Amino acid sequence: MGKQYVVIGLGRFGGSVTRTLLSLGYDVMGIDKDEKRVQEYAPILSHVYQADSTDEGVMRELGVRNMDHAIVAIGENLQASILTTLILKDIGVKFVTAKATNDYHQRVLEGVGADHIVHPERDTGVRVAHQVTSKNMIEYLELSPQHSLVEMIAPPIFCGKTLKSLDFRAKYGCSVMAIRRRDNDLVVSPHADDHIFEGDMLVIIGKNSDITRFERTFAD
């Protein structure tokens, strides 16, 4: 069974996260106080609720505690954002990503237990969705509607092997554009005989569908 996500706040940012998670094949629960937003997402989400996320009883009743990862994408209501994050951690949600509007908001969210903070002015919903679904993902950049570039930690199964033996293009449809070593040395346009070592970062480019398939293969 794949990981299950709950997105709280279905505005522009939360909606982008939700749609991207769905496109990646994950189960998503949506929660928002606004009835119109809930109706908007009802056709694409099997579980979407109009609810007050600052009500611990409601969150328990909806089974939010069973989600693997919660994304708090509440907009300008800082109090609701902070209280929701606190409740999620209190009821036992494993990992909580929260949207911060400024540095002060970030410090408070971290103080109440948020595991990861994102800033919508630099972190798009698409980027955040890719990051939260892959523990190896460091950076995600959409180059065009069809192509993306990602920087990710080399999966352990790659370590000690050459690019030639891994046969990236044939197996995954992607290309390794660069390797960032643990000492921060950058190997641009690596040779087929170059080895991948533990702690290396791979800069990979490819079609969105191939990048997604690669991410899903090594997501867990």
C-alpha atoms as a PDB file:
ATOM      1  CA  MET A   1       0.000   0.000   0.000  1.00  0.00           C
ATOM      2  CA  GLY A   2       1.376   3.418  -0.978  1.00  0.00           C
ATOM      3  CA  LYS A   3       1.775   6.363   1.306  1.00  0.00           C
ATOM      4  CA  GLN A   4      -1.338   8.366   2.125  1.00  0.00           C
ATOM      5  CA  TYR A   5      -1.361  12.160   2.212  1.00  0.00           C
ATOM      6  CA  VAL A   6      -3.729  14.758   3.606  1.00  0.00           C
ATOM      7  CA  VAL A   7      -3.668  18.328   2.317  1.00  0.00           C
ATOM      8  CA  ILE A   8      -5.268  20.878   4.626  1.00  0.00           C
ATOM      9  CA  GLY A   9      -6.141  24.072   2.783  1.00  0.00           C
ATOM     10  CA  LEU A  10      -7.166  23.702  -0.865  1.00  0.00           C
ATOM     11  CA  GLY A  11      -6.312  27.185  -2.113  1.00  0.00           C
ATOM     12  CA  ARG A  12      -3.909  27.828  -4.978  1.00  0.00           C
ATOM     13  CA  PHE A  13      -0.866  26.350  -3.234  1.00  0.00           C
ATOM     14  CA  GLY A  14      -2.641  23.424  -1.555  1.00  0.00           C
ATOM     15  CA  GLY A  15      -4.563  22.695  -4.731  1.00  0.00           C
ATOM     16  CA  SER A  16      -1.344  22.515  -6.732  1.00  0.00           C
ATOM     17  CA  VAL A  17       0.148  20.103  -4.193  1.00  0.00           C
ATOM     18  CA  THR A  18      -3.021  17.996  -4.289  1.00  0.00           C
ATOM     19  CA  ARG A  19      -3.200  17.740  -8.069  1.00  0.00           C
ATOM     20  CA  THR A  20       0.480  16.878  -8.355  1.00  0.00           C
ATOM     21  CA  LEU A  21       0.231  14.169  -5.686  1.00  0.00           C
ATOM     22  CA  LEU A  22      -2.717  12.689  -7.587  1.00  0.00           C
ATOM     23  CA  SER A  23      -0.747  12.766 -10.842  1.00  0.00           C
ATOM     24  CA  LEU A  24       2.041  10.863  -9.086  1.00  0.00           C
ATOM     25  CA  GLY A  25      -0.451   8.147  -8.155  1.00  0.00           C
ATOM     26  CA  TYR A  26      -0.860   8.774  -4.418  1.00  0.00           C
ATOM     27  CA  ASP A  27      -4.001   8.644  -2.280  1.00  0.00           C
ATOM     28  CA  VAL A  28      -4.910  12.134  -1.070  1.00  0.00           C
ATOM     29  CA  MET A  29      -7.432  13.374   1.465  1.00  0.00           C
ATOM     30  CA  GLY A  30      -8.416  17.032   1.192  1.00  0.00           C
ATOM     31  CA  ILE A  31      -9.715  19.305   3.956  1.00  0.00           C
ATOM     32  CA  ASP A  32     -10.873  22.912   3.725  1.00  0.00           C
ATOM     33  CA  LYS A  33     -13.325  25.162   5.587  1.00  0.00           C
ATOM     34  CA  ASP A  34     -14.604  26.632   2.321  1.00  0.00           C
ATOM     35  CA  GLU A  35     -17.538  24.701   0.850  1.00  0.00           C
ATOM     36  CA  LYS A  36     -16.829  25.916  -2.706  1.00  0.00           C
ATOM     37  CA  ARG A  37     -13.278  24.585  -2.598  1.00  0.00           C
ATOM     38  CA  VAL A  38     -14.486  21.246  -1.269  1.00  0.00           C
ATOM     39  CA  GLN A  39     -17.023  21.035  -4.110  1.00  0.00           C
ATOM     40  CA  GLU A  40     -14.295  21.906  -6.612  1.00  0.00           C
ATOM     41  CA  TYR A  41     -12.173  18.941  -5.526  1.00  0.00           C
ATOM     42  CA  ALA A  42     -14.997  16.463  -4.918  1.00  0.00           C
ATOM     43  CA  PRO A  43     -14.820  15.100  -8.507  1.00  0.00           C
ATOM     44  CA  ILE A  44     -11.122  14.200  -8.231  1.00  0.00           C
ATOM     45  CA  LEU A  45     -10.699  13.296  -4.543  1.00  0.00           C
ATOM     46  CA  SER A  46     -12.392  10.238  -3.076  1.00  0.00           C
ATOM     47  CA  HIS A  47     -12.064  11.787   0.385  1.00  0.00           C
ATOM     48  CA  VAL A  48     -12.550  15.547   0.694  1.00  0.00           C
ATOM     49  CA  TYR A  49     -14.182  17.248   3.653  1.00  0.00           C
ATOM     50  CA  GLN A  50     -15.443  20.664   4.671  1.00  0.00           C
ATOM     51  CA  ALA A  51     -14.070  20.838   8.198  1.00  0.00           C
ATOM     52  CA  ASP A  52     -12.333  22.985  10.797  1.00  0.00           C
ATOM     53  CA  SER A  53      -8.786  21.678  11.073  1.00  0.00           C
ATOM     54  CA  THR A  54      -8.330  23.466  14.413  1.00  0.00           C
ATOM     55  CA  ASP A  55     -10.900  21.137  16.007  1.00  0.00           C
ATOM     56  CA  GLU A  56      -8.950  18.154  17.341  1.00  0.00           C
ATOM     57  CA  GLY A  57     -12.098  16.058  17.687  1.00  0.00           C
ATOM     58  CA  VAL A  58     -12.968  16.555  14.033  1.00  0.00           C
ATOM     59  CA  MET A  59      -9.440  15.669  12.931  1.00  0.00           C
ATOM     60  CA  ARG A  60      -9.587  12.444  14.915  1.00  0.00           C
ATOM     61  CA  GLU A  61     -13.034  11.620  13.543  1.00  0.00           C
ATOM     62  CA  LEU A  62     -11.811  12.035   9.968  1.00  0.00           C
ATOM     63  CA  GLY A  63      -8.959   9.594  10.601  1.00  0.00           C
ATOM     64  CA  VAL A  64      -6.239  12.120   9.859  1.00  0.00           C
ATOM     65  CA  ARG A  65      -3.988  10.423  12.414  1.00  0.00           C
ATOM     66  CA  ASN A  66      -3.704   7.457  10.026  1.00  0.00           C
ATOM     67  CA  MET A  67      -2.148   9.539   7.258  1.00  0.00           C
ATOM     68  CA  ASP A  68       1.572   9.099   6.567  1.00  0.00           C
ATOM     69  CA  HIS A  69       2.135  12.755   5.712  1.00  0.00           C
ATOM     70  CA  ALA A  70       0.133  15.938   6.243  1.00  0.00           C
ATOM     71  CA  ILE A  71       0.652  19.152   4.297  1.00  0.00           C
ATOM     72  CA  VAL A  72      -0.697  22.254   6.058  1.00  0.00           C
ATOM     73  CA  ALA A  73      -1.373  24.693   3.221  1.00  0.00           C
ATOM     74  CA  ILE A  74      -3.592  27.137   5.100  1.00  0.00           C
ATOM     75  CA  GLY A  75      -3.354  30.674   3.717  1.00  0.00           C
ATOM     76  CA  GLU A  76      -3.309  33.899   5.704  1.00  0.00           C
ATOM     77  CA  ASN A  77      -4.837  32.596   8.947  1.00  0.00           C
ATOM     78  CA  LEU A  78      -1.606  32.108  10.891  1.00  0.00           C
ATOM     79  CA  GLN A  79      -3.392  31.055  14.071  1.00  0.00           C
ATOM     80  CA  ALA A  80      -5.241  28.279  12.243  1.00  0.00           C
ATOM     81  CA  SER A  81      -2.027  27.180  10.525  1.00  0.00           C
ATOM     82  CA  ILE A  82      -0.121  26.949  13.805  1.00  0.00           C
ATOM     83  CA  LEU A  83      -2.922  25.267  15.761  1.00  0.00           C
ATOM     84  CA  THR A  84      -3.553  22.761  12.976  1.00  0.00           C
ATOM     85  CA  THR A  85       0.140  21.827  12.908  1.00  0.00           C
ATOM     86  CA  LEU A  86       0.160  21.381  16.683  1.00  0.00           C
ATOM     87  CA  ILE A  87      -2.951  19.182  16.588  1.00  0.00           C
ATOM     88  CA  LEU A  88      -1.557  17.014  13.803  1.00  0.00           C
ATOM     89  CA  LYS A  89       1.582  16.275  15.797  1.00  0.00           C
ATOM     90  CA  ASP A  90      -0.405  15.708  18.994  1.00  0.00           C
ATOM     91  CA  ILE A  91      -2.682  13.114  17.395  1.00  0.00           C
ATOM     92  CA  GLY A  92       0.269  11.231  15.943  1.00  0.00           C
ATOM     93  CA  VAL A  93       0.650  12.151  12.270  1.00  0.00           C
ATOM     94  CA  LYS A  94       4.079  10.814  11.295  1.00  0.00           C
ATOM     95  CA  PHE A  95       5.317  13.751   9.224  1.00  0.00           C
ATOM     96  CA  VAL A  96       3.957  17.282   8.868  1.00  0.00           C
ATOM     97  CA  THR A  97       4.968  19.782   6.190  1.00  0.00           C
ATOM     98  CA  ALA A  98       3.662  23.293   6.848  1.00  0.00           C
ATOM     99  CA  LYS A  99       3.500  26.422   4.711  1.00  0.00           C
ATOM    100  CA  ALA A 100       5.032  29.522   6.292  1.00  0.00           C
ATOM    101  CA  THR A 101       4.306  33.085   5.205  1.00  0.00           C
ATOM    102  CA  ASN A 102       7.364  34.634   6.882  1.00  0.00           C
ATOM    103  CA  ASP A 103      10.345  33.818   9.109  1.00  0.00           C
ATOM    104  CA  TYR A 104       8.404  34.418  12.329  1.00  0.00           C
ATOM    105  CA  HIS A 105       5.672  32.055  11.188  1.00  0.00           C
ATOM    106  CA  GLN A 106       8.346  29.477  10.354  1.00  0.00           C
ATOM    107  CA  ARG A 107       9.904  29.681  13.835  1.00  0.00           C
ATOM    108  CA  VAL A 108       6.529  29.170  15.494  1.00  0.00           C
ATOM    109  CA  LEU A 109       5.654  26.242  13.226  1.00  0.00           C
ATOM    110  CA  GLU A 110       8.991  24.618  14.010  1.00  0.00           C
ATOM    111  CA  GLY A 111       8.337  25.242  17.694  1.00  0.00           C
ATOM    112  CA  VAL A 112       5.043  23.339  17.624  1.00  0.00           C
ATOM    113  CA  GLY A 113       6.583  20.375  15.839  1.00  0.00           C
ATOM    114  CA  ALA A 114       6.452  20.876  12.064  1.00  0.00           C
ATOM    115  CA  ASP A 115       8.915  18.471  10.429  1.00  0.00           C
ATOM    116  CA  HIS A 116       9.432  20.511   7.267  1.00  0.00           C
ATOM    117  CA  ILE A 117       8.691  24.117   6.334  1.00  0.00           C
ATOM    118  CA  VAL A 118       7.986  25.453   2.843  1.00  0.00           C
ATOM    119  CA  HIS A 119       7.657  29.020   1.607  1.00  0.00           C
ATOM    120  CA  PRO A 120       5.139  29.485  -1.227  1.00  0.00           C
ATOM    121  CA  GLU A 121       7.024  32.481  -2.640  1.00  0.00           C
ATOM    122  CA  ARG A 122       9.847  30.124  -3.634  1.00  0.00           C
ATOM    123  CA  ASP A 123       8.372  26.632  -3.284  1.00  0.00           C
ATOM    124  CA  THR A 124       5.693  25.890  -5.873  1.00  0.00           C
ATOM    125  CA  GLY A 125       3.029  23.329  -5.111  1.00  0.00           C
ATOM    126  CA  VAL A 126       4.397  21.035  -7.813  1.00  0.00           C
ATOM    127  CA  ARG A 127       7.898  21.192  -6.348  1.00  0.00           C
ATOM    128  CA  VAL A 128       6.666  20.524  -2.808  1.00  0.00           C
ATOM    129  CA  ALA A 129       4.610  17.529  -3.936  1.00  0.00           C
ATOM    130  CA  HIS A 130       7.673  15.957  -5.547  1.00  0.00           C
ATOM    131  CA  GLN A 131       9.785  16.652  -2.471  1.00  0.00           C
ATOM    132  CA  VAL A 132       7.336  15.179   0.042  1.00  0.00           C
ATOM    133  CA  THR A 133       6.900  11.965  -1.931  1.00  0.00           C
ATOM    134  CA  SER A 134      10.611  11.167  -2.183  1.00  0.00           C
ATOM    135  CA  LYS A 135      13.013  11.105   0.740  1.00  0.00           C
ATOM    136  CA  ASN A 136      15.879  11.351  -1.764  1.00  0.00           C
ATOM    137  CA  MET A 137      14.590  14.478  -3.524  1.00  0.00           C
ATOM    138  CA  ILE A 138      16.613  17.658  -2.945  1.00  0.00           C
ATOM    139  CA  GLU A 139      15.489  19.877  -5.808  1.00  0.00           C
ATOM    140  CA  TYR A 140      12.832  19.763  -8.506  1.00  0.00           C
ATOM    141  CA  LEU A 141      12.694  22.172 -11.433  1.00  0.00           C
ATOM    142  CA  GLU A 142      10.086  22.058 -14.186  1.00  0.00           C
ATOM    143  CA  LEU A 143      11.911  23.099 -17.361  1.00  0.00           C
ATOM    144  CA  SER A 144       8.846  22.934 -19.601  1.00  0.00           C
ATOM    145  CA  PRO A 145       5.404  21.304 -19.591  1.00  0.00           C
ATOM    146  CA  GLN A 146       7.115  18.123 -20.810  1.00  0.00           C
ATOM    147  CA  HIS A 147      10.563  18.092 -19.162  1.00  0.00           C
ATOM    148  CA  SER A 148      11.969  18.430 -15.644  1.00  0.00           C
ATOM    149  CA  LEU A 149      15.315  18.474 -13.873  1.00  0.00           C
ATOM    150  CA  VAL A 150      15.784  16.948 -10.433  1.00  0.00           C
ATOM    151  CA  GLU A 151      18.629  16.757  -7.953  1.00  0.00           C
ATOM    152  CA  MET A 152      18.407  13.772  -5.667  1.00  0.00           C
ATOM    153  CA  ILE A 153      20.511  11.676  -3.332  1.00  0.00           C
ATOM    154  CA  ALA A 154      21.807   8.605  -5.132  1.00  0.00           C
ATOM    155  CA  PRO A 155      19.802   5.544  -4.024  1.00  0.00           C
ATOM    156  CA  PRO A 156      21.957   3.068  -2.051  1.00  0.00           C
ATOM    157  CA  ILE A 157      21.509   0.449  -4.778  1.00  0.00           C
ATOM    158  CA  PHE A 158      23.436   2.727  -7.179  1.00  0.00           C
ATOM    159  CA  CYS A 159      26.501   3.092  -4.965  1.00  0.00           C
ATOM    160  CA  GLY A 160      29.676   1.518  -6.301  1.00  0.00           C
ATOM    161  CA  LYS A 161      28.270   1.164  -9.810  1.00  0.00           C
ATOM    162  CA  THR A 162      29.157   2.990 -13.010  1.00  0.00           C
ATOM    163  CA  LEU A 163      26.720   5.006 -15.078  1.00  0.00           C
ATOM    164  CA  LYS A 164      27.266   2.536 -17.907  1.00  0.00           C
ATOM    165  CA  SER A 165      26.236  -0.432 -15.782  1.00  0.00           C
ATOM    166  CA  LEU A 166      23.140   1.403 -14.532  1.00  0.00           C
ATOM    167  CA  ASP A 167      22.091   2.188 -18.121  1.00  0.00           C
ATOM    168  CA  PHE A 168      19.927   5.152 -17.115  1.00  0.00           C
ATOM    169  CA  ARG A 169      18.476   6.020 -20.493  1.00  0.00           C
ATOM    170  CA  ALA A 170      17.409   2.469 -21.333  1.00  0.00           C
ATOM    171  CA  LYS A 171      16.000   1.657 -17.882  1.00  0.00           C
ATOM    172  CA  TYR A 172      14.525   4.985 -16.831  1.00  0.00           C
ATOM    173  CA  GLY A 173      14.445   7.185 -19.934  1.00  0.00           C
ATOM    174  CA  CYS A 174      16.474   9.844 -18.091  1.00  0.00           C
ATOM    175  CA  SER A 175      19.976  11.270 -18.374  1.00  0.00           C
ATOM    176  CA  VAL A 176      22.480  12.081 -15.607  1.00  0.00           C
ATOM    177  CA  MET A 177      23.708  15.592 -16.366  1.00  0.00           C
ATOM    178  CA  ALA A 178      26.009  15.938 -13.359  1.00  0.00           C
ATOM    179  CA  ILE A 179      27.170  14.272 -10.152  1.00  0.00           C
ATOM    180  CA  ARG A 180      27.758  16.328  -7.014  1.00  0.00           C
ATOM    181  CA  ARG A 181      30.237  14.523  -4.756  1.00  0.00           C
ATOM    182  CA  ARG A 182      30.113  14.597  -0.947  1.00  0.00           C
ATOM    183  CA  ASP A 183      32.988  17.097  -0.933  1.00  0.00           C
ATOM    184  CA  ASN A 184      30.786  19.344  -3.146  1.00  0.00           C
ATOM    185  CA  ASP A 185      32.936  18.691  -6.223  1.00  0.00           C
ATOM    186  CA  LEU A 186      30.699  18.838  -9.300  1.00  0.00           C
ATOM    187  CA  VAL A 187      31.274  16.400 -12.159  1.00  0.00           C
ATOM    188  CA  VAL A 188      29.538  17.883 -15.209  1.00  0.00           C
ATOM    189  CA  SER A 189      28.627  15.591 -18.132  1.00  0.00           C
ATOM    190  CA  PRO A 190      29.988  12.516 -16.336  1.00  0.00           C
ATOM    191  CA  HIS A 191      31.639   9.733 -18.325  1.00  0.00           C
ATOM    192  CA  ALA A 192      29.965   6.342 -18.652  1.00  0.00           C
ATOM    193  CA  ASP A 193      32.771   4.815 -16.559  1.00  0.00           C
ATOM    194  CA  ASP A 194      32.311   7.271 -13.669  1.00  0.00           C
ATOM    195  CA  HIS A 195      31.244   5.588 -10.444  1.00  0.00           C
ATOM    196  CA  ILE A 196      28.479   6.674  -8.089  1.00  0.00           C
ATOM    197  CA  PHE A 197      29.427   6.734  -4.419  1.00  0.00           C
ATOM    198  CA  GLU A 198      27.505   6.944  -1.168  1.00  0.00           C
ATOM    199  CA  GLY A 199      26.305  10.487  -0.526  1.00  0.00           C
ATOM    200  CA  ASP A 200      26.516  11.579  -4.167  1.00  0.00           C
ATOM    201  CA  MET A 201      23.824  13.879  -5.559  1.00  0.00           C
ATOM    202  CA  LEU A 202      22.587  13.118  -9.067  1.00  0.00           C
ATOM    203  CA  VAL A 203      21.339  15.864 -11.370  1.00  0.00           C
ATOM    204  CA  ILE A 204      18.899  14.140 -13.713  1.00  0.00           C
ATOM    205  CA  ILE A 205      16.931  15.451 -16.687  1.00  0.00           C
ATOM    206  CA  GLY A 206      14.116  13.790 -18.576  1.00  0.00           C
ATOM    207  CA  LYS A 207      10.488  13.790 -19.618  1.00  0.00           C
ATOM    208  CA  ASN A 208       8.087  14.402 -16.747  1.00  0.00           C
ATOM    209  CA  SER A 209       6.600  10.927 -17.118  1.00  0.00           C
ATOM    210  CA  ASP A 210      10.048   9.312 -16.943  1.00  0.00           C
ATOM    211  CA  ILE A 211      11.133  11.491 -14.007  1.00  0.00           C
ATOM    212  CA  THR A 212       7.940  10.520 -12.167  1.00  0.00           C
ATOM    213  CA  ARG A 213       8.525   6.827 -12.871  1.00  0.00           C
ATOM    214  CA  PHE A 214      12.105   7.134 -11.607  1.00  0.00           C
ATOM    215  CA  GLU A 215      10.940   8.923  -8.440  1.00  0.00           C
ATOM    216  CA  ARG A 216       8.281   6.302  -7.741  1.00  0.00           C
ATOM    217  CA  THR A 217      10.803   3.480  -8.192  1.00  0.00           C
ATOM    218  CA  PHE A 218      13.004   4.866  -5.414  1.00  0.00           C
ATOM    219  CA  ALA A 219      10.432   6.804  -3.353  1.00  0.00           C
ATOM    220  CA  ASP A 220      10.595   4.487  -0.365  1.00  0.00           C
END
